[in-house]
């Protein structure tokens, strides 16, 4: 059976202030960004599930991504996806998945997670999405178990040229 892809994405642009950081919601621009990234995700994979941080902006982004599919993709809350989450715990979760998934999270976790999963250090802008696929060859013994298959930014076509820079 072929490995199931995992898409890691940052929530859309959030309002600058709220009562607490977890309460910050998406701006109108953030909703547009999430819709644009959903198009890129839909071109590459139909996820079986969307996992989102419990923060309001990630939940909103997850709902927007879910609604891009017919039928809707189930949205589940995964508390480990908060900004200060442990990338190694998320790595263990990803490696135990037997289904394709979208993870909606925050910086700095996404940057750390890409480093742990795929061995790549990169700065991530607003509402980027990164498609990762599990490495199934013997070379996984000495290299990361995941590889970056594609990346997308709002209002841009899926960008596969980034993969050659990152592998």
Foldseek 3Di string as FASTA:
>chain_A
DFFAKEKEWEQFDWDPDDPDQLATARDPRRLLFLLQVLVQCVVPDDWQEEEEASRHRRVSSQQSSQVSDVVGHYYHYDNQQEQPHDLVVVVVVSVPDPTYYYYYHHPPSVQVNCCQQAVFHDDDDGTKMWMKTAADDPCCVPGHRIATQWMDGGPDHIDRVVRVVGD
